[in-house]
Protein backbone atom coordinates (compact mmCIF):
# COMPACT_ATOMS: atom_id res chain seq x y z
CA MET A 1 -72.87 -14.41 37.50
CA PRO A 2 -70.28 -12.98 35.08
CA THR A 3 -69.20 -15.00 32.06
CA ILE A 4 -65.67 -16.38 32.30
CA ILE A 5 -63.81 -15.98 29.04
CA LYS A 6 -60.78 -18.21 28.61
CA PRO A 7 -57.69 -16.99 26.74
CA GLY A 8 -58.21 -16.84 23.00
CA ARG A 9 -61.99 -17.00 23.13
CA GLN A 10 -63.57 -14.91 20.46
CA SER A 11 -66.99 -14.80 18.96
CA GLY A 12 -67.39 -17.62 16.45
CA LYS A 13 -64.42 -19.67 17.64
CA THR A 14 -65.00 -23.22 18.75
CA GLN A 15 -63.36 -24.87 21.68
CA SER A 16 -61.04 -27.82 21.13
CA ASP A 17 -61.08 -30.22 24.07
CA ASN A 18 -58.51 -32.81 23.02
CA ILE A 19 -55.24 -30.96 22.72
CA PHE A 20 -52.27 -32.86 24.11
CA LEU A 21 -48.98 -31.19 24.99
CA LEU A 22 -45.69 -32.75 26.06
CA LEU A 23 -43.67 -30.79 28.60
CA GLY A 24 -40.01 -31.50 29.24
CA SER A 25 -37.16 -30.00 31.25
CA ASN A 26 -33.61 -31.06 32.05
CA LEU A 27 -31.97 -27.86 33.28
CA GLY A 28 -32.28 -26.29 36.73
CA ASP A 29 -35.12 -27.34 39.03
CA THR A 30 -36.99 -29.50 36.53
CA ALA A 31 -40.01 -30.08 38.78
CA ALA A 32 -40.39 -26.35 39.40
CA ASN A 33 -39.97 -25.69 35.66
CA LEU A 34 -42.84 -28.05 34.81
CA THR A 35 -45.00 -26.53 37.55
CA GLN A 36 -44.32 -23.02 36.24
CA ALA A 37 -45.09 -24.10 32.67
CA LEU A 38 -48.38 -25.65 33.81
CA GLY A 39 -49.35 -22.37 35.45
CA GLU A 40 -48.47 -20.43 32.31
CA ILE A 41 -50.44 -22.84 30.12
CA ALA A 42 -53.49 -22.57 32.39
CA SER A 43 -53.37 -18.77 32.47
CA LYS A 44 -52.53 -18.11 28.81
CA LEU A 45 -53.53 -21.03 26.60
CA GLY A 46 -56.57 -22.79 28.00
CA THR A 47 -57.89 -25.08 30.70
CA ILE A 48 -55.83 -28.08 31.78
CA THR A 49 -58.33 -30.93 31.91
CA ASN A 50 -56.01 -33.87 32.55
CA ARG A 51 -52.35 -34.59 33.16
CA SER A 52 -50.14 -37.64 33.27
CA SER A 53 -47.76 -38.57 36.00
CA ARG A 54 -44.29 -37.13 35.68
CA TYR A 55 -41.62 -39.30 34.13
CA ARG A 56 -37.85 -39.31 34.53
CA THR A 57 -36.53 -40.02 31.05
CA ALA A 58 -33.21 -40.59 29.37
CA PRO A 59 -32.18 -37.85 26.94
CA TRP A 60 -33.05 -38.52 23.32
CA GLY A 61 -31.17 -37.31 20.25
CA ILE A 62 -28.19 -35.90 22.14
CA THR A 63 -27.63 -38.39 24.94
CA ASP A 64 -24.72 -36.68 26.74
CA GLN A 65 -26.86 -34.41 28.90
CA PRO A 66 -28.95 -34.59 32.09
CA TYR A 67 -32.08 -36.75 32.30
CA PHE A 68 -35.41 -35.08 31.57
CA LEU A 69 -38.58 -34.69 33.57
CA ASN A 70 -41.54 -35.11 31.19
CA GLN A 71 -45.30 -34.85 31.49
CA VAL A 72 -48.25 -34.87 29.08
CA VAL A 73 -51.19 -32.55 29.66
CA GLN A 74 -54.57 -32.36 28.00
CA ILE A 75 -55.99 -28.90 27.51
CA SER A 76 -59.18 -27.36 26.25
CA SER A 77 -58.68 -24.13 24.32
CA PHE A 78 -60.29 -21.66 21.95
CA LEU A 79 -56.91 -21.00 20.33
CA GLU A 80 -56.34 -22.24 16.81
CA ALA A 81 -53.27 -24.45 16.34
CA HIS A 82 -50.97 -21.66 15.11
CA GLU A 83 -52.12 -19.33 17.90
CA LEU A 84 -51.40 -22.13 20.37
CA LEU A 85 -47.90 -22.54 18.93
CA ASP A 86 -47.27 -18.79 19.26
CA GLY A 87 -48.43 -18.94 22.89
CA ILE A 88 -46.19 -21.92 23.62
CA ASN A 89 -43.18 -20.16 22.07
CA ALA A 90 -43.90 -17.09 24.21
CA ILE A 91 -44.09 -19.21 27.39
CA GLU A 92 -40.83 -20.99 26.54
CA ALA A 93 -39.09 -17.67 25.88
CA SER A 94 -40.42 -16.09 29.09
CA MET A 95 -39.05 -19.05 31.05
CA GLY A 96 -35.60 -18.63 29.52
CA ARG A 97 -35.64 -21.22 26.74
CA VAL A 98 -32.79 -20.61 24.33
CA ARG A 99 -32.58 -22.61 21.10
CA HIS A 100 -29.01 -23.38 20.12
CA VAL A 101 -28.87 -26.96 18.91
CA LYS A 102 -31.73 -29.36 18.17
CA TRP A 103 -32.31 -31.80 21.07
CA ASP A 104 -29.95 -29.87 23.35
CA ALA A 105 -30.55 -29.42 27.08
CA ARG A 106 -33.34 -26.98 27.89
CA ILE A 107 -35.10 -25.34 30.79
CA ILE A 108 -38.49 -26.04 29.20
CA ASP A 109 -39.80 -27.61 26.04
CA ILE A 110 -43.49 -27.73 25.14
CA ASP A 111 -44.58 -29.71 22.09
CA ILE A 112 -48.05 -29.99 20.58
CA LEU A 113 -48.65 -33.73 20.16
CA PHE A 114 -52.28 -33.79 19.05
CA TYR A 115 -54.86 -31.10 18.34
CA ASP A 116 -58.11 -33.06 18.36
CA ASP A 117 -57.85 -35.40 15.36
CA ARG A 118 -56.55 -32.70 13.04
CA VAL A 119 -53.67 -33.20 10.64
CA ILE A 120 -51.64 -30.05 9.97
CA HIS A 121 -48.37 -30.04 8.05
CA ASN A 122 -46.82 -26.76 6.98
CA ALA A 123 -43.57 -24.82 7.37
CA ARG A 124 -44.37 -23.81 10.97
CA LEU A 125 -46.27 -26.73 12.40
CA ASN A 126 -46.61 -30.50 12.20
CA ILE A 127 -49.58 -32.07 13.97
CA PRO A 128 -49.65 -34.87 14.99
CA HIS A 129 -46.09 -34.45 16.17
CA PRO A 130 -43.97 -36.63 13.84
CA GLY A 131 -41.85 -38.00 16.70
CA ILE A 132 -44.73 -39.63 18.57
CA PRO A 133 -44.29 -43.21 17.29
CA LEU A 134 -40.50 -43.08 17.76
CA ARG A 135 -40.21 -41.78 21.31
CA ARG A 136 -40.93 -43.82 24.42
CA PHE A 137 -40.74 -40.68 26.61
CA THR A 138 -43.76 -39.36 24.69
CA LEU A 139 -45.72 -42.60 24.37
CA GLU A 140 -45.52 -43.70 28.03
CA PRO A 141 -47.33 -40.63 29.44
CA LEU A 142 -49.72 -40.56 26.47
CA ALA A 143 -50.58 -44.23 27.09
CA GLU A 144 -51.30 -43.39 30.72
CA LEU A 145 -53.90 -40.82 29.64
CA ILE A 146 -55.30 -42.03 26.31
CA PRO A 147 -54.25 -45.61 25.50
CA ASP A 148 -57.17 -46.10 23.08
CA PHE A 149 -56.79 -42.80 21.21
CA VAL A 150 -56.24 -43.50 17.51
CA HIS A 151 -53.41 -41.60 15.86
CA PRO A 152 -55.17 -39.77 12.99
CA GLU A 153 -52.47 -40.53 10.40
CA LEU A 154 -51.15 -43.93 11.46
CA GLN A 155 -54.58 -45.32 12.42
CA LYS A 156 -53.10 -47.11 15.44
CA THR A 157 -53.88 -46.65 19.11
CA ILE A 158 -51.36 -45.08 21.46
CA HIS A 159 -51.15 -48.47 23.22
CA THR A 160 -50.22 -50.18 19.94
CA LEU A 161 -47.67 -47.48 19.09
CA LEU A 162 -46.06 -47.98 22.51
CA ILE A 163 -45.80 -51.74 21.96
CA GLU A 164 -44.27 -51.17 18.51
CA CYS A 165 -41.96 -48.32 19.58
CA PRO A 166 -38.35 -48.93 18.49
CA ASP A 167 -37.04 -46.68 21.31
CA HIS A 168 -36.02 -48.63 24.41
CA SER A 169 -34.68 -45.64 26.35
CA GLU A 170 -35.16 -45.49 30.09
CA VAL A 171 -38.55 -44.04 31.09
CA GLU A 172 -39.43 -44.13 34.78
CA ARG A 173 -42.88 -43.13 36.05
CA LEU A 174 -42.54 -41.11 39.25
CA ALA A 175 -44.89 -41.33 42.23
């Protein structure tokens, strides 16, 4: 039987199994956008091992725009964090993402929330994502998947962060 090599696998690289991404869309057919992004992630970045329900969420930051459809996925990948970011940016661009204004409406947005329990802060990348404890639309789907996961910087579980979250925006879990 031939060996299956996932994207990014190279001799000497280790696989990370606890990478969590947040997907969001509020332009066009949002459900189709998330489905397309999931396919791109699976074919280019790694194996999707778990996914939350989809959530209809109020816009955050700039509130005068359409509601979002959000979902958290867990992936396993051989890509290092910066390679993963490059792959995400390529997927967003191929799907038509245009960056004009921070928090503006978008066809697709993919954020790295956690990369195992690593802490990375540099000019290109911040992991864990700094918005996690402030955003209900991120915490609700994370709590569905990993309520007992301990945030590596804050040393609090996702469940605790959700309880303490100052954001009371509308977040509706879809069937």
